Protein backbone atom coordinates (compact mmCIF):
# COMPACT_ATOMS: atom_id res chain seq x y z
CA UNK A 1 96.87 74.10 24.31
CA UNK A 2 100.28 72.39 22.98
CA UNK A 3 100.42 69.61 25.86
CA UNK A 4 96.94 68.61 24.99
CA UNK A 5 97.77 66.46 21.95
CA UNK A 6 99.55 63.53 23.27
CA UNK A 7 99.84 59.78 21.69
CA UNK A 8 96.50 58.95 23.15
CA UNK A 9 94.08 61.36 22.44
CA UNK A 10 92.20 60.38 26.03
CA UNK A 11 95.41 61.78 27.63
CA UNK A 12 95.06 64.80 26.04
CA UNK A 13 91.05 64.97 28.12
CA UNK A 14 92.84 64.41 30.84
CA UNK A 15 96.05 66.79 30.35
CA UNK A 16 93.56 70.28 29.36
CA UNK A 17 91.51 69.21 32.45
CA UNK A 18 94.75 69.19 34.38
CA UNK A 19 96.36 72.32 32.90
CA UNK A 20 93.31 74.18 33.99
CA UNK A 21 92.86 73.27 37.43
CA UNK A 22 96.67 74.06 37.39
CA UNK A 23 95.84 77.54 36.24
CA UNK A 24 93.03 77.69 38.12
CA UNK A 25 90.69 78.43 34.84
CA UNK A 26 87.33 77.71 33.49
CA UNK A 27 87.53 75.40 30.17
CA UNK A 28 85.88 77.18 27.67
CA UNK A 29 82.74 75.58 25.20
CA UNK A 30 85.01 74.90 22.17
CA UNK A 31 86.93 73.00 24.93
CA UNK A 32 84.10 70.87 26.21
CA UNK A 33 82.90 70.22 22.79
CA UNK A 34 86.37 68.89 21.76
CA UNK A 35 86.88 66.54 24.85
CA UNK A 36 83.19 65.20 24.62
CA UNK A 37 83.68 64.59 20.57
CA UNK A 38 87.18 62.61 21.71
CA UNK A 39 85.35 60.82 24.99
CA UNK A 40 82.18 59.09 22.23
CA UNK A 41 85.37 58.36 19.40
CA UNK A 42 86.41 56.04 22.15
CA UNK A 43 89.73 57.75 23.01
CA UNK A 44 89.28 57.42 26.94
CA UNK A 45 88.38 53.71 26.75
CA UNK A 46 91.22 52.89 24.34
CA UNK A 47 93.49 54.66 27.09
CA UNK A 48 95.08 51.88 30.15
CA UNK A 49 94.12 53.08 33.32
CA UNK A 50 98.12 52.81 34.16
CA UNK A 51 98.63 55.98 32.30
CA UNK A 52 95.47 57.77 33.22
CA UNK A 53 96.60 57.70 37.01
CA UNK A 54 99.22 59.90 37.38
CA UNK A 55 96.98 63.06 35.21
CA UNK A 56 94.35 61.98 38.06
CA UNK A 57 97.26 62.22 41.02
CA UNK A 58 98.42 65.62 39.22
CA UNK A 59 94.96 66.93 39.03
CA UNK A 60 94.17 66.14 42.32
CA UNK A 61 97.58 67.69 43.84
CA UNK A 62 96.47 71.15 41.42
CA UNK A 63 95.53 74.53 43.03
CA UNK A 64 92.32 74.31 42.43
CA UNK A 65 91.54 70.38 41.81
CA UNK A 66 87.58 70.80 41.66
CA UNK A 67 88.23 72.49 38.28
CA UNK A 68 89.58 69.61 36.68
CA UNK A 69 86.42 66.47 37.81
CA UNK A 70 83.96 69.62 37.20
CA UNK A 71 85.36 69.85 33.60
CA UNK A 72 85.55 65.84 33.49
CA UNK A 73 81.60 65.74 34.65
CA UNK A 74 80.43 68.72 32.19
CA UNK A 75 81.68 67.62 29.08
CA UNK A 76 80.60 63.81 30.26
CA UNK A 77 84.22 62.55 30.61
CA UNK A 78 84.20 61.61 34.52
CA UNK A 79 81.48 58.55 34.59
CA UNK A 80 84.08 57.24 31.33
CA UNK A 81 86.77 57.50 34.16
CA UNK A 82 85.13 57.90 37.49
CA UNK A 83 81.92 56.47 37.31
CA UNK A 84 82.54 55.30 40.90
CA UNK A 85 82.50 59.46 41.60
CA UNK A 86 80.59 60.61 38.68
CA UNK A 87 77.88 58.66 39.94
CA UNK A 88 77.52 61.37 43.62
CA UNK A 89 76.35 64.08 41.52
CA UNK A 90 72.68 64.73 42.39
CA UNK A 91 72.66 62.54 45.59
CA UNK A 92 71.20 64.21 48.72
CA UNK A 93 72.54 64.00 51.92
CA UNK A 94 71.55 65.58 55.12
CA UNK A 95 74.04 68.29 56.33
CA UNK A 96 75.00 69.28 59.85
CA UNK A 97 73.89 72.87 58.46
CA UNK A 98 70.10 73.81 57.54
CA UNK A 99 69.29 72.19 54.54
CA UNK A 100 70.25 68.81 52.33
CA UNK A 101 73.88 69.19 50.08
CA UNK A 102 74.31 67.51 46.79
CA UNK A 103 77.16 64.59 47.68
CA UNK A 104 79.21 65.69 43.86
CA UNK A 105 79.13 69.09 45.16
CA UNK A 106 80.44 68.48 48.41
CA UNK A 107 82.82 66.28 47.37
CA UNK A 108 84.26 69.63 45.35
CA UNK A 109 84.40 71.62 47.98
CA UNK A 110 86.17 69.55 50.06
CA UNK A 111 88.74 68.95 47.25
CA UNK A 112 89.13 72.45 47.57
CA UNK A 113 89.39 72.46 51.21
CA UNK A 114 92.44 70.47 50.94
CA UNK A 115 94.24 72.32 48.40
CA UNK A 116 93.58 75.44 50.59
CA UNK A 117 95.19 73.52 53.13
CA UNK A 118 98.27 72.37 50.83
CA UNK A 119 96.70 68.58 51.61
CA UNK A 120 99.00 65.35 50.36
CA UNK A 121 97.68 63.24 47.90
CA UNK A 122 96.26 60.32 49.78
CA UNK A 123 94.04 63.02 51.89
CA UNK A 124 92.87 64.15 48.79
CA UNK A 125 92.31 61.08 47.09
CA UNK A 126 90.27 59.90 50.09
CA UNK A 127 88.13 62.97 49.73
CA UNK A 128 87.55 61.59 46.19
CA UNK A 129 86.18 58.54 46.57
CA UNK A 130 85.29 57.58 50.44
CA UNK A 131 81.32 58.65 49.74
CA UNK A 132 81.08 56.22 46.63
CA UNK A 133 79.32 54.01 48.63
CA UNK A 134 76.43 56.42 49.02
CA UNK A 135 75.75 56.82 45.35
CA UNK A 136 73.09 54.22 45.45
CA UNK A 137 71.32 54.42 48.58
CA UNK A 138 67.68 53.33 48.65
CA UNK A 139 65.72 56.28 47.65
CA UNK A 140 63.23 55.49 50.23
CA UNK A 141 66.30 56.20 52.66
CA UNK A 142 67.19 59.29 51.26
CA UNK A 143 69.20 62.02 52.44
CA UNK A 144 70.11 58.94 55.26
CA UNK A 145 72.96 56.56 53.44
CA UNK A 146 72.70 53.05 55.84
CA UNK A 147 75.40 51.12 55.40
CA UNK A 148 77.32 52.96 52.75
CA UNK A 149 80.65 51.97 54.14
CA UNK A 150 79.86 48.13 53.24
CA UNK A 151 79.27 49.19 49.77
CA UNK A 152 81.97 51.73 49.53
CA UNK A 153 84.81 49.04 50.38
CA UNK A 154 84.70 46.84 46.89
CA UNK A 155 84.37 50.30 45.14
CA UNK A 156 87.35 51.63 46.83
CA UNK A 157 89.30 48.33 46.25
CA UNK A 158 88.33 47.77 43.01
CA UNK A 159 89.30 51.45 41.77
CA UNK A 160 92.21 51.23 43.37
CA UNK A 161 93.16 48.25 41.77
CA UNK A 162 92.20 49.03 38.43
CA UNK A 163 94.51 52.89 38.59
CA UNK A 164 97.60 51.14 40.30
CA UNK A 165 97.19 54.09 43.72
CA UNK A 166 99.61 53.91 45.88
CA UNK A 167 99.52 52.08 48.93
CA UNK A 168 99.12 54.81 51.41
CA UNK A 169 96.07 56.28 49.41
CA UNK A 170 94.25 53.33 49.59
CA UNK A 171 94.82 52.57 52.99
CA UNK A 172 93.14 56.11 53.90
CA UNK A 173 90.11 55.62 51.81
CA UNK A 174 89.11 53.11 53.25
CA UNK A 175 89.84 54.15 56.58
CA UNK A 176 87.92 57.27 55.16
CA UNK A 177 85.34 55.61 54.60
CA UNK A 178 84.15 54.00 57.07
CA UNK A 179 85.78 56.20 60.32
CA UNK A 180 85.10 60.41 59.48
CA UNK A 181 81.55 60.27 60.48
CA UNK A 182 82.54 58.65 64.00
CA UNK A 183 85.22 61.19 63.75
CA UNK A 184 82.91 63.63 63.58
CA UNK A 185 80.22 62.23 66.01
CA UNK A 186 82.69 62.68 69.15
CA UNK A 187 81.85 64.55 71.65
CA UNK A 188 83.11 65.15 75.38
CA UNK A 189 79.70 63.82 77.41
CA UNK A 190 81.00 60.13 76.55
CA UNK A 191 84.67 59.70 77.47
CA UNK A 192 85.77 56.00 77.22
CA UNK A 193 83.62 55.47 73.18
CA UNK A 194 86.62 58.45 72.77
CA UNK A 195 88.93 56.58 73.95
CA UNK A 196 87.96 53.41 72.35
CA UNK A 197 87.64 55.68 68.54
CA UNK A 198 91.28 57.01 69.47
CA UNK A 199 92.32 53.34 69.45
CA UNK A 200 90.42 51.67 66.95
CA UNK A 201 92.15 55.03 64.39
CA UNK A 202 95.64 54.71 65.22
CA UNK A 203 95.96 57.59 67.75
CA UNK A 204 98.13 55.86 69.82
CA UNK A 205 99.53 53.73 67.61
CA UNK A 206 100.13 55.10 63.82
CA UNK A 207 99.96 58.41 64.11
CA UNK A 208 101.11 59.64 61.33
CA UNK A 209 97.83 57.71 59.40
CA UNK A 210 95.62 59.51 62.50
CA UNK A 211 96.96 62.91 61.26
CA UNK A 212 96.04 62.20 57.70
CA UNK A 213 92.80 61.10 58.68
CA UNK A 214 92.22 64.01 60.75
CA UNK A 215 92.89 66.07 57.88
CA UNK A 216 90.32 64.29 55.81
CA UNK A 217 87.94 64.65 58.61
CA UNK A 218 89.01 68.79 58.47
CA UNK A 219 87.98 68.96 54.91
CA UNK A 220 84.90 67.62 55.16
CA UNK A 221 83.62 69.22 58.32
CA UNK A 222 84.86 72.57 56.33
CA UNK A 223 83.71 72.27 52.94
CA UNK A 224 80.09 73.00 54.84
CA UNK A 225 78.51 76.47 54.63
CA UNK A 226 81.25 79.19 55.23
CA UNK A 227 83.65 77.00 57.27
CA UNK A 228 86.35 77.55 54.62
CA UNK A 229 89.99 77.78 56.72
CA UNK A 230 88.32 77.48 59.94
CA UNK A 231 89.09 75.17 62.65
CA UNK A 232 87.86 71.78 63.15
CA UNK A 233 86.46 71.34 66.88
CA UNK A 234 86.18 67.27 66.94
CA UNK A 235 90.36 67.54 66.16
CA UNK A 236 90.61 69.56 69.59
CA UNK A 237 88.76 67.77 71.25
CA UNK A 238 90.46 64.47 70.22
CA UNK A 239 93.57 66.00 70.57
CA UNK A 240 92.77 66.62 74.45
CA UNK A 241 91.69 63.05 74.78
CA UNK A 242 94.85 61.67 73.29
CA UNK A 243 97.01 64.32 75.39
CA UNK A 244 95.00 62.75 78.89
CA UNK A 245 96.49 59.16 77.66
CA UNK A 246 100.06 60.05 77.18
CA UNK A 247 102.11 57.64 78.59
CA UNK A 248 99.24 55.13 79.54
CA UNK A 249 100.26 52.19 77.70
CA UNK A 250 100.01 47.86 78.21
CA UNK A 251 101.70 46.54 81.16
CA UNK A 252 102.58 43.21 80.76
CA UNK A 253 99.97 41.17 81.79
CA UNK A 254 97.67 43.57 81.59
CA UNK A 255 94.56 42.74 79.84
CA UNK A 256 93.30 45.10 77.11
CA UNK A 257 90.22 45.98 79.11
CA UNK A 258 92.49 47.14 82.08
CA UNK A 259 94.23 49.44 79.12
CA UNK A 260 90.77 50.63 78.48
CA UNK A 261 89.46 51.41 81.52
CA UNK A 262 92.64 53.56 82.61
CA UNK A 263 92.74 55.43 79.02
CA UNK A 264 88.90 56.17 79.25
CA UNK A 265 89.36 57.26 83.36
CA UNK A 266 92.00 59.67 81.89
CA UNK A 267 89.96 61.02 79.12
CA UNK A 268 86.90 61.55 81.55
CA UNK A 269 89.17 63.62 83.79
CA UNK A 270 90.38 65.50 81.20
CA UNK A 271 86.63 66.52 79.52
CA UNK A 272 85.38 67.19 82.64
CA UNK A 273 85.99 70.58 82.80
CA UNK A 274 84.59 71.23 79.37
CA UNK A 275 81.67 69.29 80.15
CA UNK A 276 80.89 72.34 82.76
CA UNK A 277 81.52 74.88 80.42
CA UNK A 278 79.15 73.56 78.55
């Protein structure tokens, strides 16, 4: 491919992986060998991170973003470019379906789900990096990942600084690292925590950011098993709760506790039919 030739050879490696993702093609063995050879020659190490980011972003926005990352993984380049992400492959995690999943393989599935749903770059970047705190969970705890969000935050921040990632991508990625699993755990049985979660993740005050987080959660949920393209049940539950709280705002002189209680009561009323049906 003529686009493979670049002033920085490392960009040529990335460009080929990106073109494969855009064309939904599979890398040939000769391509992988060539990319590996350029990496060994130090092409990637000599390429500024500021030049790498546009190619990564282009590949993430391609129709098959997982192809870019899988190609980089297979030729050994992913560990050079994104060591935090490469470290996820081979790490187990409990699935909400029978058995365990490989975190790296799951990340690739979430990105393809995001492409299927035509998600924006911020959502795709969040899916790429939100689990980097799980890469070195203590072996004795696996497949559980305790306190992974604490480990993820400095890694995501360092990665964003290194590449000059746009602020909206950084904000959503950090949010996803702490809140995706909390969203997955919401239940119609506990109205108060649901109302509190909506407040904490911007459901009332920053709806655009909240909607992006729900897209991340949806892609993560639908990457399990055969759920691709399905609706995300927790998104429906949270929308019921959010609608129930519409118009409930903090009056002048009213405490935050009073507002929280009013919202919790509204959510409880909205959830009552769901609990009966269950």
